[in-house]
Amino acid sequence: MGTARFAAHPGRSRGTYDIRLALPLSLIVLVTVVDILAPPEVHLGPFLVAAPALTASFAGPRTTGLIGALAVLAQAVVAVVRTSLTDLNHSLQIISLVLISLLVTFLAHLRERHEQQLTQLRSVARAAQEVVLRPLPHRIGPLRLAAVYLAAEAEAQIGGDLYAAARTTGGSRFLIGDVRGKGLEAIGEAARLLGAFRAAAHWQPELPVLTAYLEAAVSSDLDTPGDYAADGEGGGEAFTTAAVLDIPDRSSVLELINCGHPPPLLLHGGGVTALEVGEQAPPLGLTAFMTTGFAAQDFPFAAGDIALLYTDGVIETRDRHGTFYPLAERVAAWSGEGPEALLRHLCDDLRRHAGGHLGDDAALVAIERER
């Protein structure tokens, strides 16, 4: 899996398109036959306008224009069979049908152009996502990795949830976080924090020093009032929950500093344990509430163990009864192997729990120490 991102983007298969196109064609045939066989005082020709109107909702201007032409031809056949083309009633129906067909063809052109612009915007969003939230490698040192980003909105590719990995001389470091807020401001904060982590994770010798550097990078941009006025939030209220990990290559431990983030889960020997630190630091950006410096805590991390990092979008997902997603319980019930299989299982299970629609973005990272 490596890094994957899932969002419900609407697609249009060829089979679905053919089924949709059969509807206006069948309508033309049905209205034409019934109108010819109907009594003289019954006129069903006006129903033919529905054919190009339906086509314009899913097809391009060429197909819409073709269906409109077929509808006009069908109306002309009805006029010839029942009376004549010069009959006032049928003449007015034909003229009206021509005008409406031209109008809906133009509307189909506008819709098609809008879809092309939307496709271009999606391509730009994917490119921006690859720059801001870079895919994690499948392997890093003695570790196997898998990561997934679940976007709540169909058109959204990235939000305030973030993760990153960096290789050091003696191990690997990881960051997972969740920026408070939504929109461009949250994406900007996520990009700033990710940039600081990638720049410092290689050369900061101690995990507390690295975390303090990340704190400074986040806090340095919060001194200007009104940064979040667009969201109705005053400056200085922005913060980022984060968990920073250091996993040495030659030691069966992991170091963790938790800054207000949901505790990672450790899968060991068929059991699941939450990695709760003794003293949790405040979220990044809330330096005014810190009473001591950052301190790392060690946890056992042996060969075959899996550390699961996640954002609160996972555990705050509700089902139709309002029940939160029981992540630890679902992980404990999993019987597969490997980080990729674990995340595939959790993604499918999470979407079923949410009824197919997530209320918030969510990110998961699974780290396994190879046997």
Protein backbone atom coordinates (compact mmCIF):
# COMPACT_ATOMS: atom_id res chain seq x y z
CA MET A 1 0.00 0.00 0.00
CA GLY A 2 2.76 2.46 0.90
CA THR A 3 0.80 5.66 1.10
CA ALA A 4 -2.76 5.77 -0.19
CA ARG A 5 -5.47 8.41 -0.17
CA PHE A 6 -9.12 7.67 -0.48
CA ALA A 7 -11.89 10.09 -1.42
CA ALA A 8 -15.26 9.44 -2.97
CA HIS A 9 -14.80 10.93 -6.43
CA PRO A 10 -17.75 10.44 -8.78
CA GLY A 11 -16.88 8.43 -11.85
CA ARG A 12 -18.64 7.69 -15.12
CA SER A 13 -18.21 4.19 -16.52
CA ARG A 14 -18.98 3.36 -20.14
CA GLY A 15 -21.75 0.95 -19.14
CA THR A 16 -23.50 3.57 -17.01
CA TYR A 17 -23.24 6.09 -19.86
CA ASP A 18 -24.85 3.65 -22.32
CA ILE A 19 -27.72 2.96 -19.93
CA ARG A 20 -28.36 6.68 -19.49
CA LEU A 21 -28.28 7.26 -23.25
CA ALA A 22 -30.84 4.48 -23.78
CA LEU A 23 -33.37 6.41 -21.70
CA PRO A 24 -33.87 9.44 -24.03
CA LEU A 25 -33.75 7.20 -27.10
CA SER A 26 -36.45 4.95 -25.66
CA LEU A 27 -38.47 8.02 -24.75
CA ILE A 28 -38.36 9.28 -28.34
CA VAL A 29 -39.48 5.94 -29.71
CA LEU A 30 -42.23 5.53 -27.12
CA VAL A 31 -43.67 9.04 -27.54
CA THR A 32 -43.54 8.79 -31.34
CA VAL A 33 -45.38 5.45 -31.51
CA VAL A 34 -48.01 6.39 -28.93
CA ASP A 35 -48.58 9.81 -30.53
CA ILE A 36 -49.16 8.23 -33.93
CA LEU A 37 -51.63 5.70 -32.53
CA ALA A 38 -53.42 8.18 -30.25
CA PRO A 39 -56.79 9.75 -31.12
CA PRO A 40 -56.68 12.99 -33.19
CA GLU A 41 -57.41 15.20 -30.18
CA VAL A 42 -54.45 13.80 -28.19
CA HIS A 43 -50.98 15.32 -28.79
CA LEU A 44 -47.95 13.86 -27.01
CA GLY A 45 -45.31 15.72 -29.03
CA PRO A 46 -44.41 18.16 -26.20
CA PHE A 47 -43.05 15.20 -24.21
CA LEU A 48 -40.25 14.85 -26.76
CA VAL A 49 -38.52 17.86 -25.23
CA ALA A 50 -37.61 15.67 -22.26
CA ALA A 51 -35.20 13.63 -24.42
CA PRO A 52 -32.58 16.36 -25.11
CA ALA A 53 -33.13 17.81 -21.62
CA LEU A 54 -32.24 14.47 -20.00
CA THR A 55 -29.27 13.99 -22.30
CA ALA A 56 -27.83 17.40 -21.38
CA SER A 57 -27.59 16.31 -17.74
CA PHE A 58 -24.92 13.67 -18.43
CA ALA A 59 -23.66 13.92 -22.03
CA GLY A 60 -21.70 16.47 -24.03
CA PRO A 61 -23.04 19.01 -26.51
CA ARG A 62 -22.59 16.74 -29.53
CA THR A 63 -24.65 13.89 -28.11
CA THR A 64 -27.23 16.33 -26.77
CA GLY A 65 -27.53 17.99 -30.17
CA LEU A 66 -27.90 14.59 -31.84
CA ILE A 67 -30.70 13.54 -29.48
CA GLY A 68 -32.37 16.90 -30.06
CA ALA A 69 -32.19 16.37 -33.82
CA LEU A 70 -33.70 12.90 -33.46
CA ALA A 71 -36.52 14.35 -31.35
CA VAL A 72 -37.23 16.99 -34.02
CA LEU A 73 -37.18 14.28 -36.71
CA ALA A 74 -39.60 12.18 -34.67
CA GLN A 75 -41.94 15.14 -34.29
CA ALA A 76 -41.79 15.70 -38.04
CA VAL A 77 -42.67 12.03 -38.67
CA VAL A 78 -45.66 12.36 -36.34
CA ALA A 79 -46.78 15.51 -38.19
CA VAL A 80 -46.55 13.82 -41.60
CA VAL A 81 -48.40 10.69 -40.47
CA ARG A 82 -51.16 12.48 -38.56
CA THR A 83 -51.71 15.63 -40.66
CA SER A 84 -48.89 17.49 -42.42
CA LEU A 85 -45.75 19.50 -41.69
CA THR A 86 -47.63 22.72 -42.43
CA ASP A 87 -50.22 22.04 -39.75
CA LEU A 88 -50.07 24.96 -37.29
CA ASN A 89 -50.07 22.80 -34.17
CA HIS A 90 -47.25 20.55 -35.33
CA SER A 91 -45.29 23.45 -36.83
CA LEU A 92 -45.27 25.25 -33.48
CA GLN A 93 -44.26 22.05 -31.69
CA ILE A 94 -41.35 21.53 -34.08
CA ILE A 95 -40.15 25.14 -33.75
CA SER A 96 -40.36 24.96 -29.95
CA LEU A 97 -38.50 21.67 -29.92
CA VAL A 98 -35.72 23.09 -32.11
CA LEU A 99 -35.27 26.13 -29.86
CA ILE A 100 -35.24 24.10 -26.65
CA SER A 101 -32.80 21.58 -28.16
CA LEU A 102 -30.42 24.41 -29.06
CA LEU A 103 -30.70 25.81 -25.54
CA VAL A 104 -29.98 22.54 -23.73
CA THR A 105 -27.11 21.82 -26.15
CA PHE A 106 -25.53 25.11 -25.13
CA LEU A 107 -26.08 24.24 -21.46
CA ALA A 108 -24.41 20.88 -22.04
CA HIS A 109 -21.43 22.73 -23.51
CA LEU A 110 -21.19 24.89 -20.39
CA ARG A 111 -21.43 21.86 -18.10
CA GLU A 112 -18.75 20.00 -20.05
CA ARG A 113 -16.40 22.99 -19.86
CA HIS A 114 -17.00 23.22 -16.10
CA GLU A 115 -16.17 19.51 -15.69
CA GLN A 116 -12.92 20.02 -17.60
CA GLN A 117 -11.97 22.88 -15.29
CA LEU A 118 -12.82 20.74 -12.27
CA THR A 119 -10.64 17.92 -13.60
CA GLN A 120 -7.74 20.34 -13.95
CA LEU A 121 -8.26 21.56 -10.38
CA ARG A 122 -8.22 17.98 -9.14
CA SER A 123 -4.93 17.39 -10.93
CA VAL A 124 -3.45 20.46 -9.28
CA ALA A 125 -4.77 19.29 -5.90
CA ARG A 126 -3.13 15.88 -6.36
CA ALA A 127 0.17 17.52 -7.29
CA ALA A 128 -0.03 19.82 -4.25
CA GLN A 129 -0.83 16.84 -2.05
CA GLU A 130 2.26 14.99 -3.25
CA VAL A 131 4.37 18.01 -2.33
CA VAL A 132 2.84 18.71 1.08
CA LEU A 133 1.98 15.18 2.22
CA ARG A 134 4.63 13.05 0.59
CA PRO A 135 4.01 9.32 0.26
CA LEU A 136 5.82 7.21 2.82
CA PRO A 137 8.18 4.49 1.57
CA HIS A 138 7.20 0.85 1.93
CA ARG A 139 10.34 0.25 3.98
CA ILE A 140 12.64 2.43 6.02
CA GLY A 141 15.53 0.74 7.79
CA PRO A 142 14.25 -2.40 9.58
CA LEU A 143 10.67 -1.10 9.47
CA ARG A 144 7.75 -1.80 7.14
CA LEU A 145 5.34 1.11 6.65
CA ALA A 146 1.84 1.74 5.39
CA ALA A 147 -0.10 5.00 5.50
CA VAL A 148 -3.53 6.16 4.43
CA TYR A 149 -5.28 9.52 4.23
CA LEU A 150 -9.08 9.45 4.26
CA ALA A 151 -10.63 12.67 2.98
CA ALA A 152 -14.07 13.52 4.34
CA GLU A 153 -15.02 15.62 1.29
CA ALA A 154 -15.11 14.16 -2.19
CA GLU A 155 -13.24 17.05 -3.78
CA ALA A 156 -10.75 17.46 -0.94
CA GLN A 157 -7.36 15.82 -1.28
CA ILE A 158 -5.63 17.13 1.83
CA GLY A 159 -6.58 18.95 5.01
CA GLY A 160 -5.09 19.54 8.44
CA ASP A 161 -4.16 15.90 9.15
CA LEU A 162 -0.50 15.16 8.50
CA TYR A 163 2.22 12.54 8.80
CA ALA A 164 5.86 12.22 7.82
CA ALA A 165 8.89 9.96 8.24
CA ALA A 166 12.60 10.70 8.22
CA ARG A 167 15.66 8.47 8.27
CA THR A 168 18.52 9.25 10.67
CA THR A 169 21.95 7.66 11.06
CA GLY A 170 20.78 5.28 13.77
CA GLY A 171 17.05 4.96 13.31
CA SER A 172 13.83 6.43 11.95
CA ARG A 173 11.63 9.27 13.13
CA PHE A 174 7.93 9.77 12.60
CA LEU A 175 5.45 12.58 12.99
CA ILE A 176 1.67 12.46 12.97
CA GLY A 177 -0.50 15.45 13.73
CA ASP A 178 -3.79 17.23 13.33
CA VAL A 179 -4.05 20.98 12.83
CA ARG A 180 -6.95 22.72 14.53
CA GLY A 181 -9.37 24.18 11.99
CA LYS A 182 -10.08 23.54 8.33
CA GLY A 183 -9.50 25.08 4.93
CA LEU A 184 -6.43 26.77 3.52
CA GLU A 185 -5.24 27.95 6.92
CA ALA A 186 -5.07 24.39 8.23
CA ILE A 187 -3.28 23.22 5.08
CA GLY A 188 -0.76 26.05 5.47
CA GLU A 189 -0.08 25.11 9.09
CA ALA A 190 0.31 21.45 8.14
CA ALA A 191 2.78 22.35 5.39
CA ARG A 192 4.78 24.53 7.81
CA LEU A 193 5.03 21.78 10.42
CA LEU A 194 5.92 19.11 7.87
CA GLY A 195 8.63 21.36 6.42
CA ALA A 196 10.12 21.95 9.87
CA PHE A 197 10.13 18.21 10.64
CA ARG A 198 11.80 17.27 7.36
CA ALA A 199 14.40 19.98 7.82
CA ALA A 200 15.32 19.13 11.43
CA ALA A 201 14.61 15.41 11.91
CA HIS A 202 17.98 14.46 10.39
CA TRP A 203 20.24 16.67 12.47
CA GLN A 204 18.50 17.21 15.80
CA PRO A 205 20.20 14.61 18.04
CA GLU A 206 17.52 14.26 20.74
CA LEU A 207 13.78 13.83 20.34
CA PRO A 208 12.93 16.56 22.92
CA VAL A 209 15.16 19.01 21.02
CA LEU A 210 13.42 18.12 17.75
CA THR A 211 9.99 18.58 19.35
CA ALA A 212 11.04 21.96 20.76
CA TYR A 213 12.13 22.97 17.24
CA LEU A 214 8.72 21.96 15.88
CA GLU A 215 7.04 23.93 18.66
CA ALA A 216 9.06 27.01 17.72
CA ALA A 217 8.18 26.58 14.04
CA VAL A 218 4.46 26.43 14.84
CA SER A 219 4.47 29.22 17.44
CA SER A 220 6.49 31.64 15.31
CA ASP A 221 3.55 32.16 12.96
CA LEU A 222 0.93 32.68 15.66
CA ASP A 223 2.05 36.09 16.89
CA THR A 224 0.12 38.04 14.27
CA PRO A 225 -3.48 38.70 15.40
CA GLY A 226 -6.29 37.80 13.06
CA ASP A 227 -4.53 34.97 11.23
CA TYR A 228 -7.73 32.96 11.43
CA ALA A 229 -10.25 35.74 11.05
CA ALA A 230 -11.71 34.01 8.01
CA ASP A 231 -12.84 31.19 10.27
CA GLY A 232 -14.02 33.47 13.02
CA GLU A 233 -11.12 32.45 15.26
CA GLY A 234 -8.77 34.92 16.80
CA GLY A 235 -5.01 34.81 16.39
CA GLY A 236 -3.12 32.77 18.92
CA GLU A 237 -5.86 30.14 19.21
CA ALA A 238 -4.39 27.87 16.53
CA PHE A 239 -2.58 24.72 17.62
CA THR A 240 -1.60 21.29 16.38
CA THR A 241 -1.86 18.02 18.25
CA ALA A 242 1.11 15.82 17.39
CA ALA A 243 2.97 12.66 18.31
CA VAL A 244 6.70 12.45 17.56
CA LEU A 245 8.44 9.06 17.57
CA ASP A 246 12.02 7.87 17.36
CA ILE A 247 12.60 4.16 16.59
CA PRO A 248 16.26 3.08 16.84
CA ASP A 249 17.47 0.36 14.49
CA ARG A 250 19.31 -1.73 17.08
CA SER A 251 17.11 -1.31 20.16
CA SER A 252 13.74 -2.98 20.71
CA VAL A 253 12.15 0.25 21.93
CA LEU A 254 10.48 3.35 20.59
CA GLU A 255 10.66 6.83 22.03
CA LEU A 256 7.48 8.89 22.10
CA ILE A 257 6.61 12.50 22.85
CA ASN A 258 2.88 13.13 22.78
CA CYS A 259 1.66 16.71 22.40
CA GLY A 260 -2.06 16.43 23.02
CA HIS A 261 -2.53 13.74 20.37
CA PRO A 262 -4.51 10.47 20.65
CA PRO A 263 -2.10 7.81 21.98
CA PRO A 264 -0.66 5.40 19.42
CA LEU A 265 -1.64 1.75 19.67
CA LEU A 266 0.90 -1.08 20.01
CA LEU A 267 0.03 -4.50 18.59
CA HIS A 268 2.11 -7.11 20.41
CA GLY A 269 1.49 -10.83 20.77
CA GLY A 270 -2.15 -10.57 19.73
CA GLY A 271 -2.89 -7.81 22.25
CA VAL A 272 -3.40 -4.08 21.82
CA THR A 273 -1.95 -1.49 24.20
CA ALA A 274 -2.38 2.29 24.12
CA LEU A 275 0.97 4.04 24.48
CA GLU A 276 -0.03 6.47 27.20
CA VAL A 277 2.80 8.76 28.32
CA GLY A 278 3.17 9.71 31.95
CA GLU A 279 2.99 13.44 31.35
CA GLN A 280 1.47 14.58 28.07
CA ALA A 281 2.74 17.85 26.64
CA PRO A 282 0.28 20.47 25.39
CA PRO A 283 -0.39 20.71 21.65
CA LEU A 284 2.19 22.48 19.52
CA GLY A 285 1.48 26.20 19.46
CA LEU A 286 0.40 26.42 23.11
CA THR A 287 3.79 27.26 24.64
CA ALA A 288 2.17 29.51 27.23
CA PHE A 289 0.76 26.43 28.95
CA MET A 290 4.06 24.52 29.22
CA THR A 291 5.47 24.17 32.73
CA THR A 292 8.44 21.92 31.87
CA GLY A 293 10.42 20.95 28.79
CA PHE A 294 9.57 18.12 26.45
CA ALA A 295 10.42 14.64 27.72
CA ALA A 296 10.47 11.39 25.74
CA GLN A 297 9.18 8.12 27.13
CA ASP A 298 10.36 4.65 26.04
CA PHE A 299 8.06 1.76 25.16
CA PRO A 300 8.96 -1.81 24.14
CA PHE A 301 8.87 -2.33 20.39
CA ALA A 302 10.08 -5.80 19.47
CA ALA A 303 10.36 -7.60 16.17
CA GLY A 304 6.90 -8.33 14.75
CA ASP A 305 5.23 -5.53 16.73
CA ILE A 306 3.13 -2.91 14.93
CA ALA A 307 2.71 0.67 16.09
CA LEU A 308 -0.50 2.28 14.80
CA LEU A 309 -0.57 6.08 14.60
CA TYR A 310 -3.84 7.85 13.83
CA THR A 311 -5.65 11.17 14.05
CA ASP A 312 -8.83 11.92 15.95
CA GLY A 313 -10.86 11.74 12.74
CA VAL A 314 -10.69 7.95 13.15
CA ILE A 315 -11.87 7.59 16.74
CA GLU A 316 -14.43 10.41 16.45
CA THR A 317 -16.22 8.83 13.49
CA ARG A 318 -19.80 7.96 14.48
CA ASP A 319 -22.27 5.46 13.15
CA ARG A 320 -25.96 6.23 12.58
CA HIS A 321 -26.63 5.66 16.29
CA GLY A 322 -23.96 8.19 17.33
CA THR A 323 -21.49 5.57 18.58
CA PHE A 324 -17.80 6.42 18.19
CA TYR A 325 -15.59 4.07 16.20
CA PRO A 326 -13.98 1.57 18.65
CA LEU A 327 -10.51 1.56 17.10
CA ALA A 328 -8.69 -0.45 19.78
CA GLU A 329 -11.45 -3.05 19.80
CA ARG A 330 -11.43 -3.43 16.01
CA VAL A 331 -7.63 -3.64 15.92
CA ALA A 332 -7.65 -6.33 18.62
CA ALA A 333 -10.12 -8.37 16.55
CA TRP A 334 -7.89 -8.21 13.47
CA SER A 335 -6.06 -11.46 12.70
CA GLY A 336 -4.06 -10.60 9.60
CA GLU A 337 -0.39 -9.85 9.11
CA GLY A 338 1.51 -6.77 8.03
CA PRO A 339 0.83 -3.02 8.14
CA GLU A 340 -0.74 -2.87 4.69
CA ALA A 341 -3.32 -5.53 5.49
CA LEU A 342 -4.10 -3.80 8.79
CA LEU A 343 -4.83 -0.45 7.15
CA ARG A 344 -6.93 -2.03 4.41
CA HIS A 345 -8.99 -3.73 7.09
CA LEU A 346 -9.39 -0.55 9.12
CA CYS A 347 -10.31 1.60 6.09
CA ASP A 348 -13.06 -0.78 5.01
CA ASP A 349 -14.32 -1.20 8.56
CA LEU A 350 -14.26 2.54 9.25
CA ARG A 351 -16.29 3.35 6.15
CA ARG A 352 -18.84 0.70 7.03
CA HIS A 353 -19.11 2.14 10.53
CA ALA A 354 -19.61 5.65 9.14
CA GLY A 355 -22.14 4.55 6.53
CA GLY A 356 -19.81 5.53 3.69
CA HIS A 357 -19.31 9.17 4.72
CA LEU A 358 -16.69 10.41 7.19
CA GLY A 359 -17.43 13.49 9.23
CA ASP A 360 -13.78 14.57 9.32
CA ASP A 361 -10.50 13.83 7.59
CA ALA A 362 -8.55 10.93 9.06
CA ALA A 363 -5.01 9.60 8.73
CA LEU A 364 -3.43 6.32 9.80
CA VAL A 365 0.18 5.13 9.78
CA ALA A 366 1.19 1.55 10.61
CA ILE A 367 4.82 0.77 11.48
CA GLU A 368 6.06 -2.79 11.84
CA ARG A 369 9.49 -3.84 13.02
CA GLU A 370 10.54 -6.72 10.78
CA ARG A 371 11.06 -10.11 12.32
